[in-house]
Every structure is written in C-alpha cells, then in structure tokens.
Full PDB file with SEQRES, HELIX, SHEET, SSBOND, CRYST1, ORIGX, SCALE, CONECT and MASTER records, all heavy atoms in Angstrom:
SEQRES   1 A   38  SER ASN GLY GLY SER MET GLN LEU HIS LEU GLY GLN SER          
SEQRES   2 A   38  LEU PRO VAL SER PRO PHE ILE ASN SER THR HIS PRO PRO          
SEQRES   3 A   38  PHE LYS THR GLN ILE MET VAL GLY GLY THR LEU MET              
SHEET    1 AA1 2 LEU A   8  LEU A  14  0                                        
SHEET    2 AA1 2 MET A  32  LEU A  37 -1                                        
CRYST1    1.000    1.000    1.000  90.00  90.00  90.00 P 1           1          
ORIGX1      1.000000  0.000000  0.000000        0.00000                         
ORIGX2      0.000000  1.000000  0.000000        0.00000                         
ORIGX3      0.000000  0.000000  1.000000        0.00000                         
SCALE1      1.000000  0.000000  0.000000        0.00000                         
SCALE2      0.000000  1.000000  0.000000        0.00000                         
SCALE3      0.000000  0.000000  1.000000        0.00000                         
ATOM      1  N   SER A   1     -32.087 -12.004   8.888  1.00  0.00           N  
ATOM      2  CA  SER A   1     -32.717 -12.928   9.836  1.00  0.00           C  
ATOM      3  C   SER A   1     -34.187 -12.946   9.747  1.00  0.00           C  
ATOM      4  O   SER A   1     -34.900 -13.918  10.139  1.00  0.00           O  
ATOM      5  CB  SER A   1     -32.155 -12.838  11.178  1.00  0.00           C  
ATOM      6  OG  SER A   1     -32.431 -11.495  11.684  1.00  0.00           O  
ATOM      7  N   ASN A   2     -34.879 -11.748   9.338  1.00  0.00           N  
ATOM      8  CA  ASN A   2     -36.302 -11.617   9.362  1.00  0.00           C  
ATOM      9  C   ASN A   2     -36.709 -11.499   7.902  1.00  0.00           C  
ATOM     10  O   ASN A   2     -37.824 -10.831   7.607  1.00  0.00           O  
ATOM     11  CB  ASN A   2     -36.680 -10.524  10.136  1.00  0.00           C  
ATOM     12  CG  ASN A   2     -36.512 -10.838  11.690  1.00  0.00           C  
ATOM     13  OD1 ASN A   2     -36.764 -11.992  12.130  1.00  0.00           O  
ATOM     14  ND2 ASN A   2     -36.061  -9.810  12.459  1.00  0.00           N  
ATOM     15  N   GLY A   3     -36.030 -11.960   6.877  1.00  0.00           N  
ATOM     16  CA  GLY A   3     -36.310 -11.753   5.415  1.00  0.00           C  
ATOM     17  C   GLY A   3     -35.476 -10.457   4.919  1.00  0.00           C  
ATOM     18  O   GLY A   3     -34.802  -9.807   5.644  1.00  0.00           O  
ATOM     19  N   GLY A   4     -35.703 -10.320   3.640  1.00  0.00           N  
ATOM     20  CA  GLY A   4     -34.925  -9.251   3.031  1.00  0.00           C  
ATOM     21  C   GLY A   4     -33.516  -9.481   2.808  1.00  0.00           C  
ATOM     22  O   GLY A   4     -32.901 -10.481   3.109  1.00  0.00           O  
ATOM     23  N   SER A   5     -32.888  -8.605   1.842  1.00  0.00           N  
ATOM     24  CA  SER A   5     -31.463  -8.821   1.471  1.00  0.00           C  
ATOM     25  C   SER A   5     -30.965  -7.430   1.192  1.00  0.00           C  
ATOM     26  O   SER A   5     -31.730  -6.547   0.798  1.00  0.00           O  
ATOM     27  CB  SER A   5     -31.306  -9.731   0.327  1.00  0.00           C  
ATOM     28  OG  SER A   5     -31.927  -9.233  -0.757  1.00  0.00           O  
ATOM     29  N   MET A   6     -29.531  -7.271   1.264  1.00  0.00           N  
ATOM     30  CA  MET A   6     -28.961  -6.090   0.990  1.00  0.00           C  
ATOM     31  C   MET A   6     -27.707  -6.380   0.181  1.00  0.00           C  
ATOM     32  O   MET A   6     -27.151  -7.465   0.334  1.00  0.00           O  
ATOM     33  CB  MET A   6     -28.454  -5.392   2.267  1.00  0.00           C  
ATOM     34  CG  MET A   6     -29.501  -4.809   3.143  1.00  0.00           C  
ATOM     35  SD  MET A   6     -28.799  -3.993   4.584  1.00  0.00           S  
ATOM     36  CE  MET A   6     -30.259  -4.060   5.747  1.00  0.00           C  
ATOM     37  N   GLN A   7     -27.250  -5.482  -0.642  1.00  0.00           N  
ATOM     38  CA  GLN A   7     -26.076  -5.669  -1.463  1.00  0.00           C  
ATOM     39  C   GLN A   7     -24.868  -4.988  -0.762  1.00  0.00           C  
ATOM     40  O   GLN A   7     -24.958  -3.929  -0.233  1.00  0.00           O  
ATOM     41  CB  GLN A   7     -26.238  -5.062  -2.877  1.00  0.00           C  
ATOM     42  CG  GLN A   7     -27.239  -5.750  -3.804  1.00  0.00           C  
ATOM     43  CD  GLN A   7     -26.680  -7.194  -4.158  1.00  0.00           C  
ATOM     44  OE1 GLN A   7     -27.291  -8.159  -3.852  1.00  0.00           O  
ATOM     45  NE2 GLN A   7     -25.572  -7.190  -4.856  1.00  0.00           N  
ATOM     46  N   LEU A   8     -23.763  -5.638  -0.827  1.00  0.00           N  
ATOM     47  CA  LEU A   8     -22.490  -5.323  -0.160  1.00  0.00           C  
ATOM     48  C   LEU A   8     -21.479  -5.125  -1.387  1.00  0.00           C  
ATOM     49  O   LEU A   8     -21.123  -6.061  -2.051  1.00  0.00           O  
ATOM     50  CB  LEU A   8     -21.894  -6.245   0.861  1.00  0.00           C  
ATOM     51  CG  LEU A   8     -20.426  -5.991   1.289  1.00  0.00           C  
ATOM     52  CD1 LEU A   8     -20.450  -4.579   2.021  1.00  0.00           C  
ATOM     53  CD2 LEU A   8     -20.074  -6.980   2.217  1.00  0.00           C  
ATOM     54  N   HIS A   9     -20.874  -3.925  -1.498  1.00  0.00           N  
ATOM     55  CA  HIS A   9     -19.781  -3.617  -2.470  1.00  0.00           C  
ATOM     56  C   HIS A   9     -18.481  -3.372  -1.674  1.00  0.00           C  
ATOM     57  O   HIS A   9     -18.474  -2.516  -0.743  1.00  0.00           O  
ATOM     58  CB  HIS A   9     -20.032  -2.461  -3.260  1.00  0.00           C  
ATOM     59  CG  HIS A   9     -19.034  -2.154  -4.201  1.00  0.00           C  
ATOM     60  ND1 HIS A   9     -18.655  -2.791  -5.360  1.00  0.00           N  
ATOM     61  CD2 HIS A   9     -18.010  -1.096  -4.021  1.00  0.00           C  
ATOM     62  CE1 HIS A   9     -17.618  -2.245  -5.840  1.00  0.00           C  
ATOM     63  NE2 HIS A   9     -17.200  -1.151  -5.132  1.00  0.00           N  
ATOM     64  N   LEU A  10     -17.571  -4.346  -1.893  1.00  0.00           N  
ATOM     65  CA  LEU A  10     -16.195  -4.126  -1.006  1.00  0.00           C  
ATOM     66  C   LEU A  10     -15.523  -2.842  -1.606  1.00  0.00           C  
ATOM     67  O   LEU A  10     -15.446  -2.510  -2.862  1.00  0.00           O  
ATOM     68  CB  LEU A  10     -15.229  -5.275  -1.252  1.00  0.00           C  
ATOM     69  CG  LEU A  10     -15.799  -6.564  -0.433  1.00  0.00           C  
ATOM     70  CD1 LEU A  10     -14.875  -7.796  -0.861  1.00  0.00           C  
ATOM     71  CD2 LEU A  10     -15.853  -6.378   0.930  1.00  0.00           C  
ATOM     72  N   GLY A  11     -14.823  -2.092  -0.690  1.00  0.00           N  
ATOM     73  CA  GLY A  11     -14.190  -0.855  -1.004  1.00  0.00           C  
ATOM     74  C   GLY A  11     -12.664  -0.972  -1.072  1.00  0.00           C  
ATOM     75  O   GLY A  11     -12.099  -1.925  -1.177  1.00  0.00           O  
ATOM     76  N   GLN A  12     -11.882   0.146  -0.761  1.00  0.00           N  
ATOM     77  CA  GLN A  12     -10.556   0.324  -0.798  1.00  0.00           C  
ATOM     78  C   GLN A  12      -9.933  -0.344   0.448  1.00  0.00           C  
ATOM     79  O   GLN A  12     -10.647  -0.687   1.347  1.00  0.00           O  
ATOM     80  CB  GLN A  12     -10.160   1.727  -0.768  1.00  0.00           C  
ATOM     81  CG  GLN A  12     -10.500   2.442  -2.068  1.00  0.00           C  
ATOM     82  CD  GLN A  12      -9.681   2.009  -3.261  1.00  0.00           C  
ATOM     83  OE1 GLN A  12      -8.483   1.755  -3.212  1.00  0.00           O  
ATOM     84  NE2 GLN A  12     -10.236   1.927  -4.461  1.00  0.00           N  
ATOM     85  N   SER A  13      -8.716  -0.624   0.262  1.00  0.00           N  
ATOM     86  CA  SER A  13      -7.971  -1.189   1.492  1.00  0.00           C  
ATOM     87  C   SER A  13      -6.877  -0.059   2.004  1.00  0.00           C  
ATOM     88  O   SER A  13      -6.512   0.858   1.261  1.00  0.00           O  
ATOM     89  CB  SER A  13      -7.070  -2.457   0.978  1.00  0.00           C  
ATOM     90  OG  SER A  13      -5.988  -2.040   0.069  1.00  0.00           O  
ATOM     91  N   LEU A  14      -6.445  -0.337   3.192  1.00  0.00           N  
ATOM     92  CA  LEU A  14      -5.390   0.524   3.798  1.00  0.00           C  
ATOM     93  C   LEU A  14      -4.408  -0.433   4.408  1.00  0.00           C  
ATOM     94  O   LEU A  14      -4.836  -1.285   5.263  1.00  0.00           O  
ATOM     95  CB  LEU A  14      -5.993   1.416   4.832  1.00  0.00           C  
ATOM     96  CG  LEU A  14      -5.129   2.470   5.471  1.00  0.00           C  
ATOM     97  CD1 LEU A  14      -4.718   3.398   4.360  1.00  0.00           C  
ATOM     98  CD2 LEU A  14      -5.886   3.159   6.529  1.00  0.00           C  
ATOM     99  N   PRO A  15      -3.161  -0.591   3.953  1.00  0.00           N  
ATOM    100  CA  PRO A  15      -2.533   0.143   2.966  1.00  0.00           C  
ATOM    101  C   PRO A  15      -3.198   0.001   1.623  1.00  0.00           C  
ATOM    102  O   PRO A  15      -3.835  -1.085   1.387  1.00  0.00           O  
ATOM    103  CB  PRO A  15      -1.092  -0.121   2.898  1.00  0.00           C  
ATOM    104  CG  PRO A  15      -1.116  -1.521   3.528  1.00  0.00           C  
ATOM    105  CD  PRO A  15      -2.336  -1.604   4.598  1.00  0.00           C  
ATOM    106  N   VAL A  16      -2.963   0.970   0.656  1.00  0.00           N  
ATOM    107  CA  VAL A  16      -3.630   0.984  -0.594  1.00  0.00           C  
ATOM    108  C   VAL A  16      -2.930  -0.162  -1.390  1.00  0.00           C  
ATOM    109  O   VAL A  16      -1.764  -0.211  -1.378  1.00  0.00           O  
ATOM    110  CB  VAL A  16      -3.623   2.431  -1.266  1.00  0.00           C  
ATOM    111  CG1 VAL A  16      -4.135   2.198  -2.710  1.00  0.00           C  
ATOM    112  CG2 VAL A  16      -4.454   3.361  -0.491  1.00  0.00           C  
ATOM    113  N   SER A  17      -3.694  -0.899  -2.139  1.00  0.00           N  
ATOM    114  CA  SER A  17      -3.101  -1.935  -3.008  1.00  0.00           C  
ATOM    115  C   SER A  17      -2.679  -1.480  -4.279  1.00  0.00           C  
ATOM    116  O   SER A  17      -3.303  -0.566  -4.885  1.00  0.00           O  
ATOM    117  CB  SER A  17      -4.258  -3.093  -3.143  1.00  0.00           C  
ATOM    118  OG  SER A  17      -3.720  -4.086  -4.113  1.00  0.00           O  
ATOM    119  N   PRO A  18      -1.578  -1.860  -4.830  1.00  0.00           N  
ATOM    120  CA  PRO A  18      -0.498  -2.883  -4.266  1.00  0.00           C  
ATOM    121  C   PRO A  18       0.355  -2.074  -3.289  1.00  0.00           C  
ATOM    122  O   PRO A  18       0.560  -0.878  -3.476  1.00  0.00           O  
ATOM    123  CB  PRO A  18       0.183  -3.302  -5.505  1.00  0.00           C  
ATOM    124  CG  PRO A  18       0.152  -2.260  -6.368  1.00  0.00           C  
ATOM    125  CD  PRO A  18      -1.230  -1.649  -6.252  1.00  0.00           C  
ATOM    126  N   PHE A  19       0.963  -2.811  -2.398  1.00  0.00           N  
ATOM    127  CA  PHE A  19       1.898  -2.168  -1.468  1.00  0.00           C  
ATOM    128  C   PHE A  19       3.142  -3.035  -1.207  1.00  0.00           C  
ATOM    129  O   PHE A  19       3.108  -4.344  -1.505  1.00  0.00           O  
ATOM    130  CB  PHE A  19       1.231  -1.902  -0.194  1.00  0.00           C  
ATOM    131  CG  PHE A  19       0.807  -2.945   0.650  1.00  0.00           C  
ATOM    132  CD1 PHE A  19       1.569  -3.559   1.652  1.00  0.00           C  
ATOM    133  CD2 PHE A  19      -0.490  -3.526   0.462  1.00  0.00           C  
ATOM    134  CE1 PHE A  19       1.135  -4.670   2.325  1.00  0.00           C  
ATOM    135  CE2 PHE A  19      -0.817  -4.497   1.049  1.00  0.00           C  
ATOM    136  CZ  PHE A  19      -0.087  -5.134   2.135  1.00  0.00           C  
ATOM    137  N   ILE A  20       4.199  -2.642  -0.663  1.00  0.00           N  
ATOM    138  CA  ILE A  20       5.441  -3.339  -0.502  1.00  0.00           C  
ATOM    139  C   ILE A  20       5.428  -3.739   1.053  1.00  0.00           C  
ATOM    140  O   ILE A  20       5.336  -2.749   1.882  1.00  0.00           O  
ATOM    141  CB  ILE A  20       6.700  -2.595  -0.770  1.00  0.00           C  
ATOM    142  CG1 ILE A  20       6.674  -2.274  -2.238  1.00  0.00           C  
ATOM    143  CG2 ILE A  20       7.890  -3.421  -0.439  1.00  0.00           C  
ATOM    144  CD1 ILE A  20       7.860  -1.401  -2.684  1.00  0.00           C  
ATOM    145  N   ASN A  21       5.389  -4.994   1.416  1.00  0.00           N  
ATOM    146  CA  ASN A  21       5.417  -5.443   2.742  1.00  0.00           C  
ATOM    147  C   ASN A  21       6.715  -5.097   3.461  1.00  0.00           C  
ATOM    148  O   ASN A  21       7.716  -5.171   2.924  1.00  0.00           O  
ATOM    149  CB  ASN A  21       5.146  -7.024   2.823  1.00  0.00           C  
ATOM    150  CG  ASN A  21       4.986  -7.448   4.282  1.00  0.00           C  
ATOM    151  OD1 ASN A  21       4.123  -6.769   4.966  1.00  0.00           O  
ATOM    152  ND2 ASN A  21       5.590  -8.513   4.645  1.00  0.00           N  
ATOM    153  N   SER A  22       6.604  -4.487   4.694  1.00  0.00           N  
ATOM    154  CA  SER A  22       7.815  -4.126   5.413  1.00  0.00           C  
ATOM    155  C   SER A  22       8.017  -4.787   6.558  1.00  0.00           C  
ATOM    156  O   SER A  22       9.037  -4.526   7.323  1.00  0.00           O  
ATOM    157  CB  SER A  22       7.645  -2.510   5.715  1.00  0.00           C  
ATOM    158  OG  SER A  22       6.510  -2.393   6.405  1.00  0.00           O  
ATOM    159  N   THR A  23       7.370  -5.834   6.900  1.00  0.00           N  
ATOM    160  CA  THR A  23       7.543  -6.435   8.117  1.00  0.00           C  
ATOM    161  C   THR A  23       8.301  -7.945   7.871  1.00  0.00           C  
ATOM    162  O   THR A  23       8.025  -8.441   6.845  1.00  0.00           O  
ATOM    163  CB  THR A  23       6.212  -6.720   9.030  1.00  0.00           C  
ATOM    164  OG1 THR A  23       5.372  -7.489   8.129  1.00  0.00           O  
ATOM    165  CG2 THR A  23       5.624  -5.455   9.385  1.00  0.00           C  
ATOM    166  N   HIS A  24       9.040  -8.345   8.793  1.00  0.00           N  
ATOM    167  CA  HIS A  24       9.636  -9.626   8.730  1.00  0.00           C  
ATOM    168  C   HIS A  24       8.815 -10.721   9.552  1.00  0.00           C  
ATOM    169  O   HIS A  24       8.444 -10.342  10.753  1.00  0.00           O  
ATOM    170  CB  HIS A  24      10.956  -9.566   9.205  1.00  0.00           C  
ATOM    171  CG  HIS A  24      11.856  -8.805   8.417  1.00  0.00           C  
ATOM    172  ND1 HIS A  24      12.515  -9.239   7.149  1.00  0.00           N  
ATOM    173  CD2 HIS A  24      12.343  -7.488   8.365  1.00  0.00           C  
ATOM    174  CE1 HIS A  24      13.333  -8.264   6.762  1.00  0.00           C  
ATOM    175  NE2 HIS A  24      13.119  -7.181   7.420  1.00  0.00           N  
ATOM    176  N   PRO A  25       8.667 -11.840   9.038  1.00  0.00           N  
ATOM    177  CA  PRO A  25       7.960 -12.911   9.884  1.00  0.00           C  
ATOM    178  C   PRO A  25       8.832 -13.096  11.134  1.00  0.00           C  
ATOM    179  O   PRO A  25       9.941 -12.949  11.177  1.00  0.00           O  
ATOM    180  CB  PRO A  25       8.022 -14.171   8.997  1.00  0.00           C  
ATOM    181  CG  PRO A  25       7.981 -13.689   7.623  1.00  0.00           C  
ATOM    182  CD  PRO A  25       8.877 -12.386   7.757  1.00  0.00           C  
ATOM    183  N   PRO A  26       8.063 -13.287  12.295  1.00  0.00           N  
ATOM    184  CA  PRO A  26       6.772 -13.635  12.434  1.00  0.00           C  
ATOM    185  C   PRO A  26       5.755 -12.487  12.640  1.00  0.00           C  
ATOM    186  O   PRO A  26       4.569 -12.650  12.954  1.00  0.00           O  
ATOM    187  CB  PRO A  26       6.693 -14.495  13.741  1.00  0.00           C  
ATOM    188  CG  PRO A  26       7.727 -13.904  14.488  1.00  0.00           C  
ATOM    189  CD  PRO A  26       8.890 -13.455  13.600  1.00  0.00           C  
ATOM    190  N   PHE A  27       6.271 -11.314  12.492  1.00  0.00           N  
ATOM    191  CA  PHE A  27       5.306 -10.048  12.501  1.00  0.00           C  
ATOM    192  C   PHE A  27       4.439  -9.940  11.385  1.00  0.00           C  
ATOM    193  O   PHE A  27       4.744 -10.497  10.347  1.00  0.00           O  
ATOM    194  CB  PHE A  27       6.244  -8.819  12.707  1.00  0.00           C  
ATOM    195  CG  PHE A  27       7.119  -8.762  13.775  1.00  0.00           C  
ATOM    196  CD1 PHE A  27       8.487  -9.083  13.626  1.00  0.00           C  
ATOM    197  CD2 PHE A  27       6.716  -8.533  15.125  1.00  0.00           C  
ATOM    198  CE1 PHE A  27       9.382  -9.087  14.874  1.00  0.00           C  
ATOM    199  CE2 PHE A  27       7.432  -8.749  16.282  1.00  0.00           C  
ATOM    200  CZ  PHE A  27       8.805  -8.882  15.991  1.00  0.00           C  
ATOM    201  N   LYS A  28       3.287  -9.385  11.659  1.00  0.00           N  
ATOM    202  CA  LYS A  28       2.213  -9.316  10.684  1.00  0.00           C  
ATOM    203  C   LYS A  28       1.823  -8.025  10.255  1.00  0.00           C  
ATOM    204  O   LYS A  28       2.020  -6.939  11.051  1.00  0.00           O  
ATOM    205  CB  LYS A  28       1.072 -10.051  11.218  1.00  0.00           C  
ATOM    206  CG  LYS A  28       1.230 -11.445  11.458  1.00  0.00           C  
ATOM    207  CD  LYS A  28       0.050 -12.155  12.262  1.00  0.00           C  
ATOM    208  CE  LYS A  28       0.386 -13.637  12.592  1.00  0.00           C  
ATOM    209  NZ  LYS A  28      -0.509 -14.225  13.369  1.00  0.00           N  
ATOM    210  N   THR A  29       1.469  -7.738   9.052  1.00  0.00           N  
ATOM    211  CA  THR A  29       0.979  -6.526   8.624  1.00  0.00           C  
ATOM    212  C   THR A  29      -0.566  -6.444   8.622  1.00  0.00           C  
ATOM    213  O   THR A  29      -1.245  -7.425   8.092  1.00  0.00           O  
ATOM    214  CB  THR A  29       1.309  -6.284   7.063  1.00  0.00           C  
ATOM    215  OG1 THR A  29       2.792  -6.172   7.016  1.00  0.00           O  
ATOM    216  CG2 THR A  29       0.932  -4.912   6.515  1.00  0.00           C  
ATOM    217  N   GLN A  30      -1.144  -5.504   9.154  1.00  0.00           N  
ATOM    218  CA  GLN A  30      -2.692  -5.348   9.155  1.00  0.00           C  
ATOM    219  C   GLN A  30      -3.197  -4.632   7.905  1.00  0.00           C  
ATOM    220  O   GLN A  30      -2.703  -3.548   7.608  1.00  0.00           O  
ATOM    221  CB  GLN A  30      -3.279  -4.739  10.509  1.00  0.00           C  
ATOM    222  CG  GLN A  30      -3.072  -5.613  11.692  1.00  0.00           C  
ATOM    223  CD  GLN A  30      -3.959  -5.020  12.820  1.00  0.00           C  
ATOM    224  OE1 GLN A  30      -4.252  -3.942  12.909  1.00  0.00           O  
ATOM    225  NE2 GLN A  30      -4.358  -5.928  13.759  1.00  0.00           N  
ATOM    226  N   ILE A  31      -4.200  -5.189   7.352  1.00  0.00           N  
ATOM    227  CA  ILE A  31      -4.838  -4.619   6.137  1.00  0.00           C  
ATOM    228  C   ILE A  31      -6.298  -4.435   6.422  1.00  0.00           C  
ATOM    229  O   ILE A  31      -6.939  -5.504   6.760  1.00  0.00           O  
ATOM    230  CB  ILE A  31      -4.616  -5.498   4.926  1.00  0.00           C  
ATOM    231  CG1 ILE A  31      -3.077  -5.715   4.624  1.00  0.00           C  
ATOM    232  CG2 ILE A  31      -5.403  -4.971   3.718  1.00  0.00           C  
ATOM    233  CD1 ILE A  31      -2.826  -6.751   3.595  1.00  0.00           C  
ATOM    234  N   MET A  32      -6.719  -3.182   6.357  1.00  0.00           N  
ATOM    235  CA  MET A  32      -8.084  -2.866   6.566  1.00  0.00           C  
ATOM    236  C   MET A  32      -8.923  -2.643   5.253  1.00  0.00           C  
ATOM    237  O   MET A  32      -8.416  -2.110   4.342  1.00  0.00           O  
ATOM    238  CB  MET A  32      -8.231  -1.532   7.347  1.00  0.00           C  
ATOM    239  CG  MET A  32      -7.812  -1.699   8.849  1.00  0.00           C  
ATOM    240  SD  MET A  32      -6.178  -1.814   9.276  1.00  0.00           S  
ATOM    241  CE  MET A  32      -5.485  -0.058   8.910  1.00  0.00           C  
ATOM    242  N   VAL A  33     -10.086  -3.311   5.157  1.00  0.00           N  
ATOM    243  CA  VAL A  33     -10.961  -3.149   4.074  1.00  0.00           C  
ATOM    244  C   VAL A  33     -12.249  -2.701   4.403  1.00  0.00           C  
ATOM    245  O   VAL A  33     -12.845  -3.248   5.401  1.00  0.00           O  
ATOM    246  CB  VAL A  33     -11.044  -4.539   3.297  1.00  0.00           C  
ATOM    247  CG1 VAL A  33     -11.915  -4.456   2.173  1.00  0.00           C  
ATOM    248  CG2 VAL A  33      -9.604  -5.110   2.901  1.00  0.00           C  
ATOM    249  N   GLY A  34     -12.657  -1.652   3.728  1.00  0.00           N  
ATOM    250  CA  GLY A  34     -14.061  -1.124   3.872  1.00  0.00           C  
ATOM    251  C   GLY A  34     -14.992  -1.629   2.852  1.00  0.00           C  
ATOM    252  O   GLY A  34     -14.663  -2.506   2.041  1.00  0.00           O  
ATOM    253  N   GLY A  35     -16.214  -1.039   2.931  1.00  0.00           N  
ATOM    254  CA  GLY A  35     -17.272  -1.457   1.920  1.00  0.00           C  
ATOM    255  C   GLY A  35     -18.537  -0.503   2.048  1.00  0.00           C  
ATOM    256  O   GLY A  35     -18.532   0.199   2.803  1.00  0.00           O  
ATOM    257  N   THR A  36     -19.332  -0.690   0.993  1.00  0.00           N  
ATOM    258  CA  THR A  36     -20.609   0.059   0.994  1.00  0.00           C  
ATOM    259  C   THR A  36     -21.783  -0.887   1.031  1.00  0.00           C  
ATOM    260  O   THR A  36     -21.813  -1.857   0.156  1.00  0.00           O  
ATOM    261  CB  THR A  36     -20.757   0.974  -0.145  1.00  0.00           C  
ATOM    262  OG1 THR A  36     -19.494   1.829  -0.251  1.00  0.00           O  
ATOM    263  CG2 THR A  36     -21.997   1.686  -0.318  1.00  0.00           C  
ATOM    264  N   LEU A  37     -22.782  -0.624   1.918  1.00  0.00           N  
ATOM    265  CA  LEU A  37     -23.992  -1.387   1.939  1.00  0.00           C  
ATOM    266  C   LEU A  37     -25.101  -0.657   1.431  1.00  0.00           C  
ATOM    267  O   LEU A  37     -25.289   0.612   1.725  1.00  0.00           O  
ATOM    268  CB  LEU A  37     -24.315  -1.736   3.495  1.00  0.00           C  
ATOM    269  CG  LEU A  37     -25.417  -2.649   3.796  1.00  0.00           C  
ATOM    270  CD1 LEU A  37     -25.152  -4.002   3.320  1.00  0.00           C  
ATOM    271  CD2 LEU A  37     -25.528  -2.641   5.372  1.00  0.00           C  
ATOM    272  N   MET A  38     -25.774  -1.229   0.334  1.00  0.00           N  
ATOM    273  CA  MET A  38     -27.016  -0.619  -0.209  1.00  0.00           C  
ATOM    274  C   MET A  38     -28.251  -1.070   0.523  1.00  0.00           C  
ATOM    275  O   MET A  38     -28.567  -2.300   0.533  1.00  0.00           O  
ATOM    276  CB  MET A  38     -27.058  -1.032  -1.696  1.00  0.00           C  
ATOM    277  CG  MET A  38     -26.167  -0.214  -2.672  1.00  0.00           C  
ATOM    278  SD  MET A  38     -24.352  -0.466  -2.406  1.00  0.00           S  
ATOM    279  CE  MET A  38     -23.971  -1.907  -3.418  1.00  0.00           C  
TER     280      MET A  38                                                      
MASTER        0    0    0    0    2    0    0    6  279    1    0    3          
END                                                                             
C-alpha cells in the first residue's frame, strides 16, 4: 500500500495432495494451504 512488492510461493497442503475425500455431501472437507513470503 506504500510501495514495494514481495514474492509469495505457495506451499504444501493439509491433507497432503492427492488424497481420498472421506466426507459425504453436504459435509465439507477443509484443506489448509501454507506459503512462503520473500
């Protein structure tokens, strides 16, 4: 917002990809994704 820029690299997911979905609709599976900011 005040100038400058940073690079973002997306990281691994949890559950680790690929995975077998174990929930039946309308229930949902949460997938978390991390990353690294330079």
